[in-house]
Amino acid sequence: MTRLDRYQRDPAFATTGFVVLDFEGTTPAGHPPEPIEVGAVVLRPHADRLECAGRYEALMQPPVHAPLTAADTRQTGITAAMLAARPTANAVLAGLDALLTKPPYVTVAHHAPTEASILRRYAYACPTLAAAPMLDTLKLAKACLPRLPSYNLDAVLAHYRITIPANRHRALTDAELTARLLIHLLADGAIRHGWSQLSQLRSLAGSPPPAANTTQAELF
């Protein structure tokens, strides 16, 4: 069951847009991860469900210190040729941010520290995303399903019998899978634990908005 009847009476939930994010990136030695692709799915409450209100995906060129590696290509299928002449992360994230015109928003990711770190470092380019609190579906899964042997994305998807496609490590695909997982967790949590308010979800699986980075990395 994926109906979300119990959340309808919460004004905070009913007026919030859920921006489900996934980044694919490089992991340069001695530096934080750098994004090479972003996927986003915006969900909005409608009656007893969350409906998709929009999707966004874009490749981006990593900085010189964080080149694409053979291991990155093996995992994602993204090649250096695909990233050639692509815009920087600042430009891509600014483009996504410009589409978010109906706040308030909550960002959502599975194992959110990676996404939070990227938003923190690129906050100047995406102030709306950077100002939004974040929900971590990994934490939400632990709260809802305390006896699972693993909480990686594949394991929790398998618990809900959500089919994992071949292009699992592309950003939009992973964002769409995380969006489906979020809906299942919200419905399951309402039944198992009586969840019914956004404030409960934030208490269980939330984090505050990333602190803004004062630098303007690669903006010019």
N, C-alpha and C. Protein backbone atom coordinates (compact mmCIF):
# COMPACT_ATOMS: atom_id res chain seq x y z
N MET A 1 0.85 -1.19 0.00
CA MET A 1 0.00 0.00 0.00
C MET A 1 0.89 1.24 0.00
N THR A 2 0.63 2.17 -0.89
CA THR A 2 1.43 3.38 -0.95
C THR A 2 0.57 4.63 -0.78
N ARG A 3 -0.64 4.46 -0.24
CA ARG A 3 -1.48 5.63 0.03
C ARG A 3 -0.96 6.35 1.27
N LEU A 4 -1.09 7.66 1.26
CA LEU A 4 -0.54 8.47 2.33
C LEU A 4 -1.64 9.25 3.05
N ASP A 5 -2.77 8.60 3.29
CA ASP A 5 -3.93 9.25 3.89
C ASP A 5 -3.60 9.98 5.18
N ARG A 6 -2.75 9.38 6.01
CA ARG A 6 -2.54 9.91 7.36
C ARG A 6 -1.79 11.24 7.36
N TYR A 7 -1.13 11.56 6.26
CA TYR A 7 -0.36 12.80 6.20
C TYR A 7 -1.20 13.99 5.71
N GLN A 8 -2.40 13.72 5.22
CA GLN A 8 -3.19 14.77 4.58
C GLN A 8 -3.54 15.91 5.52
N ARG A 9 -3.67 15.61 6.80
CA ARG A 9 -4.11 16.63 7.75
C ARG A 9 -2.97 17.50 8.27
N ASP A 10 -1.75 17.21 7.85
CA ASP A 10 -0.60 18.00 8.30
C ASP A 10 -0.33 19.11 7.29
N PRO A 11 -0.58 20.37 7.64
CA PRO A 11 -0.38 21.46 6.68
C PRO A 11 1.06 21.55 6.18
N ALA A 12 2.03 21.26 7.04
CA ALA A 12 3.43 21.34 6.61
C ALA A 12 3.72 20.32 5.52
N PHE A 13 3.23 19.09 5.70
CA PHE A 13 3.43 18.06 4.68
C PHE A 13 2.71 18.44 3.40
N ALA A 14 1.48 18.90 3.52
CA ALA A 14 0.63 19.16 2.35
C ALA A 14 1.15 20.28 1.47
N THR A 15 1.97 21.17 2.02
CA THR A 15 2.44 22.32 1.24
C THR A 15 3.91 22.22 0.85
N THR A 16 4.54 21.10 1.13
CA THR A 16 5.97 20.94 0.88
C THR A 16 6.23 20.18 -0.42
N GLY A 17 7.22 20.65 -1.17
CA GLY A 17 7.73 19.90 -2.31
C GLY A 17 8.94 19.09 -1.89
N PHE A 18 8.98 17.83 -2.30
CA PHE A 18 10.08 16.94 -1.94
C PHE A 18 10.99 16.78 -3.16
N VAL A 19 12.21 17.30 -3.06
CA VAL A 19 13.17 17.24 -4.16
C VAL A 19 14.10 16.06 -3.90
N VAL A 20 13.87 14.96 -4.60
CA VAL A 20 14.66 13.75 -4.40
C VAL A 20 15.88 13.84 -5.31
N LEU A 21 17.07 13.79 -4.71
CA LEU A 21 18.31 14.06 -5.43
C LEU A 21 19.23 12.85 -5.46
N ASP A 22 19.99 12.75 -6.54
CA ASP A 22 21.12 11.83 -6.57
C ASP A 22 22.23 12.46 -7.40
N PHE A 23 23.45 12.34 -6.90
CA PHE A 23 24.63 12.76 -7.64
C PHE A 23 25.48 11.55 -7.97
N GLU A 24 25.99 11.50 -9.18
CA GLU A 24 27.12 10.63 -9.50
C GLU A 24 28.35 11.53 -9.52
N GLY A 25 29.48 11.00 -9.07
CA GLY A 25 30.62 11.88 -8.96
C GLY A 25 31.95 11.17 -8.99
N THR A 26 33.00 11.97 -8.96
CA THR A 26 34.36 11.46 -8.84
C THR A 26 34.80 11.66 -7.39
N THR A 27 35.79 10.89 -6.98
CA THR A 27 36.28 10.97 -5.60
C THR A 27 37.80 11.17 -5.62
N PRO A 28 38.24 12.39 -5.90
CA PRO A 28 39.68 12.65 -5.99
C PRO A 28 40.37 12.51 -4.64
N ALA A 29 41.57 11.95 -4.65
CA ALA A 29 42.33 11.77 -3.41
C ALA A 29 42.59 13.13 -2.76
N GLY A 30 42.30 13.20 -1.47
CA GLY A 30 42.57 14.42 -0.73
C GLY A 30 41.55 15.52 -0.92
N HIS A 31 40.47 15.23 -1.64
CA HIS A 31 39.44 16.24 -1.91
C HIS A 31 38.07 15.60 -1.73
N PRO A 32 37.05 16.40 -1.48
CA PRO A 32 35.69 15.86 -1.40
C PRO A 32 35.18 15.45 -2.77
N PRO A 33 34.13 14.63 -2.83
CA PRO A 33 33.58 14.21 -4.13
C PRO A 33 33.14 15.40 -4.97
N GLU A 34 33.29 15.26 -6.27
CA GLU A 34 32.84 16.28 -7.22
C GLU A 34 31.77 15.69 -8.13
N PRO A 35 30.66 16.37 -8.32
CA PRO A 35 29.57 15.81 -9.12
C PRO A 35 29.88 15.82 -10.61
N ILE A 36 29.47 14.75 -11.29
CA ILE A 36 29.53 14.71 -12.75
C ILE A 36 28.13 14.54 -13.35
N GLU A 37 27.16 14.22 -12.52
CA GLU A 37 25.78 14.10 -13.00
C GLU A 37 24.83 14.31 -11.82
N VAL A 38 23.73 14.98 -12.09
CA VAL A 38 22.68 15.15 -11.09
C VAL A 38 21.36 14.67 -11.67
N GLY A 39 20.58 14.02 -10.84
CA GLY A 39 19.21 13.66 -11.18
C GLY A 39 18.31 14.13 -10.06
N ALA A 40 17.16 14.67 -10.41
CA ALA A 40 16.22 15.16 -9.40
C ALA A 40 14.80 14.82 -9.81
N VAL A 41 14.01 14.42 -8.84
CA VAL A 41 12.58 14.17 -9.02
C VAL A 41 11.86 15.00 -7.96
N VAL A 42 10.95 15.85 -8.41
CA VAL A 42 10.17 16.68 -7.48
C VAL A 42 8.82 16.01 -7.25
N LEU A 43 8.52 15.73 -6.00
CA LEU A 43 7.24 15.13 -5.61
C LEU A 43 6.42 16.15 -4.84
N ARG A 44 5.11 16.16 -5.12
CA ARG A 44 4.21 17.05 -4.39
C ARG A 44 3.00 16.27 -3.90
N PRO A 45 2.55 16.56 -2.67
CA PRO A 45 1.36 15.89 -2.15
C PRO A 45 0.12 16.24 -2.98
N HIS A 46 -0.65 15.22 -3.28
CA HIS A 46 -1.93 15.41 -3.97
C HIS A 46 -2.88 14.35 -3.44
N ALA A 47 -3.93 14.80 -2.73
CA ALA A 47 -4.88 13.87 -2.12
C ALA A 47 -4.13 12.89 -1.23
N ASP A 48 -4.21 11.59 -1.53
CA ASP A 48 -3.61 10.59 -0.65
C ASP A 48 -2.31 10.02 -1.20
N ARG A 49 -1.59 10.80 -1.99
CA ARG A 49 -0.36 10.28 -2.58
C ARG A 49 0.61 11.43 -2.86
N LEU A 50 1.84 11.05 -3.18
CA LEU A 50 2.84 11.98 -3.70
C LEU A 50 2.92 11.78 -5.20
N GLU A 51 2.80 12.86 -5.95
CA GLU A 51 2.86 12.79 -7.41
C GLU A 51 4.11 13.48 -7.92
N CYS A 52 4.62 12.97 -9.03
CA CYS A 52 5.79 13.59 -9.66
C CYS A 52 5.38 14.90 -10.31
N ALA A 53 6.05 15.98 -9.91
CA ALA A 53 5.78 17.30 -10.48
C ALA A 53 6.86 17.75 -11.44
N GLY A 54 7.92 16.95 -11.59
CA GLY A 54 8.97 17.33 -12.52
C GLY A 54 10.22 16.49 -12.33
N ARG A 55 11.02 16.42 -13.39
CA ARG A 55 12.30 15.70 -13.35
C ARG A 55 13.38 16.58 -13.95
N TYR A 56 14.61 16.33 -13.53
CA TYR A 56 15.74 17.10 -14.05
C TYR A 56 16.95 16.18 -14.07
N GLU A 57 17.70 16.22 -15.14
CA GLU A 57 18.96 15.49 -15.18
C GLU A 57 19.95 16.25 -16.04
N ALA A 58 21.21 16.21 -15.65
CA ALA A 58 22.24 16.91 -16.42
C ALA A 58 23.61 16.35 -16.06
N LEU A 59 24.44 16.25 -17.07
CA LEU A 59 25.85 15.94 -16.87
C LEU A 59 26.61 17.24 -16.63
N MET A 60 27.74 17.14 -15.97
CA MET A 60 28.56 18.33 -15.74
C MET A 60 30.03 17.96 -15.77
N GLN A 61 30.85 18.91 -16.14
CA GLN A 61 32.28 18.67 -16.27
C GLN A 61 32.94 18.84 -14.91
N PRO A 62 33.67 17.83 -14.46
CA PRO A 62 34.33 17.97 -13.15
C PRO A 62 35.52 18.92 -13.24
N PRO A 63 35.95 19.47 -12.12
CA PRO A 63 37.14 20.33 -12.13
C PRO A 63 38.39 19.53 -12.46
N VAL A 64 39.45 20.24 -12.80
CA VAL A 64 40.69 19.60 -13.25
C VAL A 64 41.25 18.65 -12.20
N HIS A 65 41.10 18.99 -10.92
CA HIS A 65 41.68 18.16 -9.87
C HIS A 65 40.88 16.88 -9.61
N ALA A 66 39.73 16.73 -10.28
CA ALA A 66 38.86 15.58 -10.01
C ALA A 66 38.43 14.90 -11.31
N PRO A 67 39.39 14.42 -12.10
CA PRO A 67 39.02 13.84 -13.40
C PRO A 67 38.26 12.53 -13.26
N LEU A 68 37.49 12.22 -14.28
CA LEU A 68 36.79 10.94 -14.36
C LEU A 68 37.81 9.81 -14.43
N THR A 69 37.57 8.74 -13.69
CA THR A 69 38.48 7.59 -13.70
C THR A 69 37.82 6.41 -14.40
N ALA A 70 38.63 5.41 -14.69
CA ALA A 70 38.10 4.20 -15.31
C ALA A 70 37.08 3.52 -14.39
N ALA A 71 37.33 3.58 -13.09
CA ALA A 71 36.39 2.99 -12.13
C ALA A 71 35.05 3.73 -12.15
N ASP A 72 35.10 5.05 -12.29
CA ASP A 72 33.86 5.83 -12.39
C ASP A 72 33.06 5.40 -13.62
N THR A 73 33.76 5.21 -14.73
CA THR A 73 33.08 4.81 -15.97
C THR A 73 32.49 3.42 -15.84
N ARG A 74 33.23 2.51 -15.21
CA ARG A 74 32.70 1.15 -15.03
C ARG A 74 31.43 1.17 -14.20
N GLN A 75 31.38 2.00 -13.18
CA GLN A 75 30.20 2.02 -12.31
C GLN A 75 29.01 2.69 -12.95
N THR A 76 29.24 3.81 -13.64
CA THR A 76 28.14 4.64 -14.12
C THR A 76 27.86 4.52 -15.61
N GLY A 77 28.87 4.10 -16.38
CA GLY A 77 28.72 4.13 -17.83
C GLY A 77 29.01 5.49 -18.43
N ILE A 78 29.33 6.47 -17.59
CA ILE A 78 29.64 7.82 -18.07
C ILE A 78 31.09 7.86 -18.52
N THR A 79 31.32 8.39 -19.71
CA THR A 79 32.67 8.45 -20.27
C THR A 79 33.15 9.90 -20.32
N ALA A 80 34.47 10.04 -20.50
CA ALA A 80 35.05 11.38 -20.62
C ALA A 80 34.47 12.13 -21.81
N ALA A 81 34.19 11.41 -22.89
CA ALA A 81 33.61 12.07 -24.07
C ALA A 81 32.23 12.64 -23.76
N MET A 82 31.48 11.96 -22.90
CA MET A 82 30.15 12.46 -22.54
C MET A 82 30.22 13.74 -21.72
N LEU A 83 31.34 13.94 -21.02
CA LEU A 83 31.48 15.12 -20.16
C LEU A 83 32.19 16.28 -20.86
N ALA A 84 32.80 16.00 -21.99
CA ALA A 84 33.52 17.06 -22.70
C ALA A 84 32.56 18.18 -23.09
N ALA A 85 32.96 19.40 -22.82
CA ALA A 85 32.19 20.61 -23.15
C ALA A 85 30.90 20.75 -22.36
N ARG A 86 30.71 19.92 -21.35
CA ARG A 86 29.54 20.09 -20.48
C ARG A 86 29.77 21.29 -19.56
N PRO A 87 28.69 21.89 -19.06
CA PRO A 87 28.86 23.02 -18.14
C PRO A 87 29.40 22.57 -16.78
N THR A 88 29.85 23.52 -16.00
CA THR A 88 30.35 23.23 -14.66
C THR A 88 29.19 22.92 -13.71
N ALA A 89 29.56 22.40 -12.55
CA ALA A 89 28.54 22.11 -11.53
C ALA A 89 27.79 23.37 -11.12
N ASN A 90 28.49 24.50 -11.02
CA ASN A 90 27.80 25.74 -10.66
C ASN A 90 26.67 26.04 -11.63
N ALA A 91 26.94 25.93 -12.93
CA ALA A 91 25.93 26.26 -13.93
C ALA A 91 24.77 25.27 -13.89
N VAL A 92 25.08 23.99 -13.76
CA VAL A 92 24.03 22.97 -13.75
C VAL A 92 23.15 23.10 -12.51
N LEU A 93 23.76 23.28 -11.36
CA LEU A 93 22.97 23.38 -10.13
C LEU A 93 22.18 24.68 -10.08
N ALA A 94 22.72 25.74 -10.67
CA ALA A 94 21.95 26.98 -10.76
C ALA A 94 20.73 26.78 -11.65
N GLY A 95 20.88 25.98 -12.71
CA GLY A 95 19.74 25.70 -13.59
C GLY A 95 18.66 24.92 -12.88
N LEU A 96 19.05 23.93 -12.09
CA LEU A 96 18.07 23.17 -11.31
C LEU A 96 17.41 24.08 -10.28
N ASP A 97 18.20 24.86 -9.59
CA ASP A 97 17.66 25.73 -8.55
C ASP A 97 16.64 26.72 -9.09
N ALA A 98 16.87 27.19 -10.31
CA ALA A 98 15.96 28.18 -10.91
C ALA A 98 14.58 27.60 -11.17
N LEU A 99 14.47 26.27 -11.25
CA LEU A 99 13.18 25.64 -11.50
C LEU A 99 12.35 25.48 -10.23
N LEU A 100 12.97 25.70 -9.10
CA LEU A 100 12.29 25.48 -7.81
C LEU A 100 11.66 26.79 -7.36
N THR A 101 10.45 27.04 -7.83
CA THR A 101 9.80 28.34 -7.64
C THR A 101 8.60 28.29 -6.69
N LYS A 102 8.36 27.12 -6.08
CA LYS A 102 7.19 26.99 -5.20
C LYS A 102 7.59 26.41 -3.85
N PRO A 103 8.36 27.18 -3.06
CA PRO A 103 8.76 26.67 -1.75
C PRO A 103 7.56 26.57 -0.81
N PRO A 104 7.70 25.87 0.30
CA PRO A 104 8.94 25.31 0.85
C PRO A 104 9.29 23.95 0.22
N TYR A 105 10.57 23.63 0.34
CA TYR A 105 11.06 22.35 -0.16
C TYR A 105 11.81 21.60 0.93
N VAL A 106 11.81 20.29 0.80
CA VAL A 106 12.69 19.41 1.56
C VAL A 106 13.46 18.59 0.53
N THR A 107 14.77 18.49 0.69
CA THR A 107 15.53 17.61 -0.19
C THR A 107 15.56 16.21 0.42
N VAL A 108 15.69 15.22 -0.45
CA VAL A 108 15.66 13.82 -0.04
C VAL A 108 16.78 13.09 -0.76
N ALA A 109 17.52 12.25 -0.04
CA ALA A 109 18.55 11.43 -0.67
C ALA A 109 18.73 10.17 0.16
N HIS A 110 19.30 9.14 -0.46
CA HIS A 110 19.62 7.92 0.27
C HIS A 110 21.09 7.97 0.65
N HIS A 111 21.35 7.86 1.95
CA HIS A 111 22.68 8.14 2.51
C HIS A 111 23.07 9.57 2.12
N ALA A 112 22.40 10.50 2.77
CA ALA A 112 22.41 11.91 2.36
C ALA A 112 23.70 12.68 2.58
N PRO A 113 24.66 12.25 3.40
CA PRO A 113 25.86 13.07 3.59
C PRO A 113 26.57 13.46 2.29
N THR A 114 26.59 12.59 1.29
CA THR A 114 27.25 12.94 0.04
C THR A 114 26.53 14.09 -0.65
N GLU A 115 25.22 13.98 -0.77
CA GLU A 115 24.45 15.05 -1.41
C GLU A 115 24.54 16.34 -0.59
N ALA A 116 24.48 16.22 0.74
CA ALA A 116 24.57 17.40 1.60
C ALA A 116 25.91 18.10 1.44
N SER A 117 26.98 17.31 1.32
CA SER A 117 28.31 17.89 1.15
C SER A 117 28.40 18.68 -0.15
N ILE A 118 27.85 18.14 -1.22
CA ILE A 118 27.90 18.84 -2.51
C ILE A 118 27.06 20.10 -2.46
N LEU A 119 25.87 20.03 -1.90
CA LEU A 119 25.04 21.23 -1.79
C LEU A 119 25.70 22.29 -0.93
N ARG A 120 26.39 21.86 0.11
CA ARG A 120 27.08 22.81 0.99
C ARG A 120 28.16 23.56 0.21
N ARG A 121 28.93 22.82 -0.57
CA ARG A 121 30.05 23.46 -1.27
C ARG A 121 29.60 24.30 -2.46
N TYR A 122 28.43 23.99 -3.01
CA TYR A 122 27.92 24.75 -4.15
C TYR A 122 26.70 25.58 -3.78
N ALA A 123 26.60 25.94 -2.51
CA ALA A 123 25.42 26.67 -2.03
C ALA A 123 25.23 28.00 -2.74
N TYR A 124 26.32 28.65 -3.13
CA TYR A 124 26.18 29.94 -3.81
C TYR A 124 25.40 29.78 -5.12
N ALA A 125 25.58 28.64 -5.79
CA ALA A 125 24.92 28.41 -7.08
C ALA A 125 23.48 27.93 -6.92
N CYS A 126 23.17 27.29 -5.80
CA CYS A 126 21.82 26.71 -5.63
C CYS A 126 21.27 27.06 -4.26
N PRO A 127 20.98 28.34 -4.02
CA PRO A 127 20.55 28.77 -2.68
C PRO A 127 19.25 28.15 -2.21
N THR A 128 18.31 27.88 -3.12
CA THR A 128 17.05 27.27 -2.69
C THR A 128 17.28 25.85 -2.19
N LEU A 129 18.03 25.06 -2.95
CA LEU A 129 18.36 23.71 -2.51
C LEU A 129 19.16 23.74 -1.22
N ALA A 130 20.13 24.65 -1.15
CA ALA A 130 21.00 24.71 0.02
C ALA A 130 20.26 25.12 1.28
N ALA A 131 19.18 25.87 1.12
CA ALA A 131 18.41 26.33 2.28
C ALA A 131 17.41 25.30 2.78
N ALA A 132 17.20 24.25 2.00
CA ALA A 132 16.17 23.26 2.36
C ALA A 132 16.70 22.24 3.35
N PRO A 133 15.91 21.87 4.34
CA PRO A 133 16.30 20.74 5.18
C PRO A 133 16.29 19.45 4.36
N MET A 134 16.99 18.45 4.84
CA MET A 134 17.15 17.21 4.08
C MET A 134 16.63 16.01 4.86
N LEU A 135 15.98 15.10 4.15
CA LEU A 135 15.58 13.80 4.70
C LEU A 135 16.46 12.72 4.10
N ASP A 136 16.91 11.81 4.93
CA ASP A 136 17.74 10.70 4.48
C ASP A 136 16.90 9.42 4.51
N THR A 137 16.65 8.83 3.33
CA THR A 137 15.83 7.62 3.30
C THR A 137 16.53 6.44 3.95
N LEU A 138 17.86 6.48 4.07
CA LEU A 138 18.54 5.42 4.80
C LEU A 138 18.14 5.48 6.28
N LYS A 139 18.17 6.67 6.87
CA LYS A 139 17.73 6.82 8.26
C LYS A 139 16.25 6.48 8.41
N LEU A 140 15.46 6.88 7.43
CA LEU A 140 14.03 6.59 7.49
C LEU A 140 13.79 5.09 7.44
N ALA A 141 14.57 4.40 6.60
CA ALA A 141 14.43 2.94 6.51
C ALA A 141 14.82 2.27 7.83
N LYS A 142 15.87 2.77 8.47
CA LYS A 142 16.26 2.19 9.77
C LYS A 142 15.17 2.39 10.81
N ALA A 143 14.51 3.55 10.78
CA ALA A 143 13.44 3.81 11.74
C ALA A 143 12.20 2.97 11.45
N CYS A 144 11.93 2.75 10.17
CA CYS A 144 10.72 2.02 9.79
C CYS A 144 10.93 0.51 9.85
N LEU A 145 12.12 0.05 9.47
CA LEU A 145 12.40 -1.38 9.32
C LEU A 145 13.64 -1.73 10.14
N PRO A 146 13.54 -1.78 11.45
CA PRO A 146 14.73 -1.89 12.29
C PRO A 146 15.48 -3.22 12.19
N ARG A 147 14.93 -4.22 11.52
CA ARG A 147 15.58 -5.53 11.50
C ARG A 147 16.16 -5.92 10.14
N LEU A 148 16.22 -5.01 9.22
CA LEU A 148 16.83 -5.35 7.94
C LEU A 148 18.32 -5.62 8.13
N PRO A 149 18.88 -6.60 7.42
CA PRO A 149 20.32 -6.87 7.56
C PRO A 149 21.20 -5.80 6.93
N SER A 150 20.66 -5.05 5.98
CA SER A 150 21.43 -4.00 5.31
C SER A 150 20.48 -2.88 4.92
N TYR A 151 21.03 -1.66 4.88
CA TYR A 151 20.21 -0.51 4.51
C TYR A 151 20.76 0.22 3.30
N ASN A 152 21.63 -0.45 2.53
CA ASN A 152 22.02 0.19 1.28
C ASN A 152 20.81 0.24 0.35
N LEU A 153 20.90 1.07 -0.67
CA LEU A 153 19.73 1.32 -1.50
C LEU A 153 19.19 0.04 -2.12
N ASP A 154 20.07 -0.79 -2.66
CA ASP A 154 19.61 -2.02 -3.29
C ASP A 154 18.86 -2.92 -2.31
N ALA A 155 19.35 -3.00 -1.08
CA ALA A 155 18.73 -3.89 -0.09
C ALA A 155 17.33 -3.41 0.28
N VAL A 156 17.17 -2.11 0.48
CA VAL A 156 15.85 -1.61 0.88
C VAL A 156 14.88 -1.67 -0.30
N LEU A 157 15.38 -1.42 -1.50
CA LEU A 157 14.53 -1.58 -2.69
C LEU A 157 14.07 -3.03 -2.81
N ALA A 158 14.98 -3.97 -2.56
CA ALA A 158 14.62 -5.38 -2.65
C ALA A 158 13.56 -5.74 -1.62
N HIS A 159 13.64 -5.17 -0.43
CA HIS A 159 12.63 -5.44 0.60
C HIS A 159 11.24 -5.08 0.10
N TYR A 160 11.14 -3.97 -0.64
CA TYR A 160 9.83 -3.54 -1.16
C TYR A 160 9.56 -4.07 -2.57
N ARG A 161 10.42 -4.97 -3.02
CA ARG A 161 10.26 -5.60 -4.34
C ARG A 161 10.19 -4.56 -5.46
N ILE A 162 11.00 -3.54 -5.33
CA ILE A 162 11.11 -2.52 -6.38
C ILE A 162 12.20 -2.98 -7.34
N THR A 163 11.85 -3.14 -8.60
CA THR A 163 12.78 -3.65 -9.60
C THR A 163 13.92 -2.66 -9.81
N ILE A 164 15.14 -3.19 -9.83
CA ILE A 164 16.33 -2.36 -10.03
C ILE A 164 16.73 -2.46 -11.50
N PRO A 165 16.70 -1.36 -12.25
CA PRO A 165 17.02 -1.41 -13.68
C PRO A 165 18.52 -1.54 -13.92
N ALA A 166 18.87 -1.83 -15.17
CA ALA A 166 20.27 -2.05 -15.52
C ALA A 166 21.11 -0.80 -15.33
N ASN A 167 20.52 0.38 -15.54
CA ASN A 167 21.29 1.63 -15.41
C ASN A 167 21.19 2.19 -14.00
N ARG A 168 21.36 1.32 -13.02
CA ARG A 168 21.17 1.65 -11.60
C ARG A 168 22.02 2.83 -11.14
N HIS A 169 23.21 3.00 -11.67
CA HIS A 169 24.09 4.06 -11.16
C HIS A 169 24.11 5.29 -12.05
N ARG A 170 23.00 5.57 -12.72
CA ARG A 170 22.83 6.88 -13.34
C ARG A 170 21.96 7.72 -12.42
N ALA A 171 22.22 9.03 -12.42
CA ALA A 171 21.66 9.88 -11.37
C ALA A 171 20.13 9.94 -11.39
N LEU A 172 19.53 10.13 -12.56
CA LEU A 172 18.07 10.23 -12.59
C LEU A 172 17.43 8.90 -12.22
N THR A 173 17.99 7.80 -12.70
CA THR A 173 17.46 6.49 -12.32
C THR A 173 17.49 6.30 -10.82
N ASP A 174 18.61 6.65 -10.20
CA ASP A 174 18.72 6.47 -8.75
C ASP A 174 17.79 7.42 -8.00
N ALA A 175 17.61 8.64 -8.52
CA ALA A 175 16.67 9.57 -7.89
C ALA A 175 15.24 9.03 -7.99
N GLU A 176 14.90 8.46 -9.14
CA GLU A 176 13.55 7.89 -9.30
C GLU A 176 13.35 6.70 -8.36
N LEU A 177 14.37 5.86 -8.21
CA LEU A 177 14.28 4.73 -7.28
C LEU A 177 14.13 5.22 -5.85
N THR A 178 14.88 6.25 -5.48
CA THR A 178 14.79 6.80 -4.13
C THR A 178 13.42 7.43 -3.90
N ALA A 179 12.86 8.06 -4.92
CA ALA A 179 11.51 8.63 -4.79
C ALA A 179 10.49 7.52 -4.53
N ARG A 180 10.60 6.42 -5.27
CA ARG A 180 9.68 5.30 -5.03
C ARG A 180 9.87 4.73 -3.63
N LEU A 181 11.13 4.63 -3.21
CA LEU A 181 11.40 4.13 -1.87
C LEU A 181 10.80 5.06 -0.81
N LEU A 182 10.94 6.37 -0.99
CA LEU A 182 10.37 7.32 -0.04
C LEU A 182 8.87 7.09 0.13
N ILE A 183 8.17 6.93 -0.97
CA ILE A 183 6.72 6.74 -0.91
C ILE A 183 6.38 5.46 -0.14
N HIS A 184 7.11 4.38 -0.41
CA HIS A 184 6.86 3.13 0.32
C HIS A 184 7.15 3.29 1.81
N LEU A 185 8.24 3.98 2.14
CA LEU A 185 8.58 4.15 3.55
C LEU A 185 7.56 5.01 4.29
N LEU A 186 7.07 6.06 3.63
CA LEU A 186 6.07 6.90 4.28
C LEU A 186 4.79 6.12 4.54
N ALA A 187 4.35 5.35 3.56
CA ALA A 187 3.13 4.56 3.73
C ALA A 187 3.32 3.48 4.79
N ASP A 188 4.46 2.79 4.73
CA ASP A 188 4.74 1.72 5.69
C ASP A 188 4.89 2.28 7.10
N GLY A 189 5.58 3.42 7.21
CA GLY A 189 5.77 4.03 8.52
C GLY A 189 4.47 4.50 9.14
N ALA A 190 3.55 4.95 8.31
CA ALA A 190 2.24 5.36 8.83
C ALA A 190 1.50 4.17 9.43
N ILE A 191 1.62 3.01 8.78
CA ILE A 191 0.93 1.81 9.26
C ILE A 191 1.64 1.21 10.47
N ARG A 192 2.96 1.07 10.38
CA ARG A 192 3.71 0.39 11.44
C ARG A 192 3.89 1.26 12.69
N HIS A 193 4.11 2.56 12.47
CA HIS A 193 4.55 3.42 13.57
C HIS A 193 3.68 4.66 13.78
N GLY A 194 2.63 4.81 12.98
CA GLY A 194 1.74 5.94 13.16
C GLY A 194 2.28 7.27 12.66
N TRP A 195 3.26 7.23 11.75
CA TRP A 195 3.77 8.48 11.21
C TRP A 195 2.66 9.23 10.48
N SER A 196 2.62 10.54 10.69
CA SER A 196 1.56 11.32 10.04
C SER A 196 1.94 12.77 9.81
N GLN A 197 3.14 13.18 10.23
CA GLN A 197 3.53 14.57 10.13
C GLN A 197 4.95 14.72 9.61
N LEU A 198 5.17 15.80 8.88
CA LEU A 198 6.51 16.09 8.38
C LEU A 198 7.49 16.27 9.53
N SER A 199 7.06 16.86 10.61
CA SER A 199 7.95 17.07 11.75
C SER A 199 8.47 15.75 12.31
N GLN A 200 7.64 14.71 12.28
CA GLN A 200 8.09 13.39 12.72
C GLN A 200 9.18 12.86 11.80
N LEU A 201 8.97 13.01 10.51
CA LEU A 201 9.95 12.52 9.55
C LEU A 201 11.28 13.23 9.72
N ARG A 202 11.22 14.55 9.94
CA ARG A 202 12.46 15.31 10.12
C ARG A 202 13.15 14.92 11.42
N SER A 203 12.39 14.61 12.45
CA SER A 203 12.98 14.18 13.71
C SER A 203 13.68 12.83 13.56
N LEU A 204 13.08 11.94 12.78
CA LEU A 204 13.63 10.60 12.59
C LEU A 204 14.79 10.56 11.61
N ALA A 205 14.71 11.35 10.56
CA ALA A 205 15.64 11.16 9.44
C ALA A 205 16.12 12.46 8.83
N GLY A 206 15.96 13.55 9.55
CA GLY A 206 16.28 14.84 8.96
C GLY A 206 17.64 15.37 9.37
N SER A 207 18.05 16.38 8.64
CA SER A 207 19.23 17.15 8.99
C SER A 207 18.94 18.60 8.65
N PRO A 208 19.60 19.53 9.32
CA PRO A 208 19.34 20.94 9.01
C PRO A 208 19.88 21.30 7.64
N PRO A 209 19.49 22.46 7.12
CA PRO A 209 20.03 22.89 5.83
C PRO A 209 21.55 22.95 5.89
N PRO A 210 22.24 22.58 4.80
CA PRO A 210 23.69 22.70 4.79
C PRO A 210 24.12 24.14 5.03
N ALA A 211 25.16 24.33 5.81
CA ALA A 211 25.69 25.68 6.01
C ALA A 211 26.26 26.20 4.70
N ALA A 212 25.96 27.44 4.39
CA ALA A 212 26.41 28.01 3.12
C ALA A 212 27.92 28.10 3.08
N ASN A 213 28.48 27.76 1.93
CA ASN A 213 29.91 27.91 1.69
C ASN A 213 30.15 29.32 1.20
N THR A 214 31.10 30.00 1.81
CA THR A 214 31.33 31.38 1.43
C THR A 214 32.17 31.51 0.17
N THR A 215 32.76 30.42 -0.29
CA THR A 215 33.55 30.49 -1.51
C THR A 215 32.65 30.32 -2.72
N GLN A 216 33.16 30.77 -3.87
CA GLN A 216 32.40 30.67 -5.10
C GLN A 216 33.19 29.80 -6.08
N ALA A 217 33.39 28.55 -5.70
CA ALA A 217 34.25 27.66 -6.47
C ALA A 217 33.80 27.58 -7.92
N GLU A 218 34.74 27.84 -8.79
CA GLU A 218 34.55 27.67 -10.23
C GLU A 218 33.43 28.51 -10.80
N LEU A 219 33.04 29.56 -10.10
CA LEU A 219 31.93 30.36 -10.62
C LEU A 219 32.35 31.13 -11.86
N PHE A 220 33.60 31.54 -11.91
CA PHE A 220 34.07 32.32 -13.05
C PHE A 220 35.12 31.54 -13.83
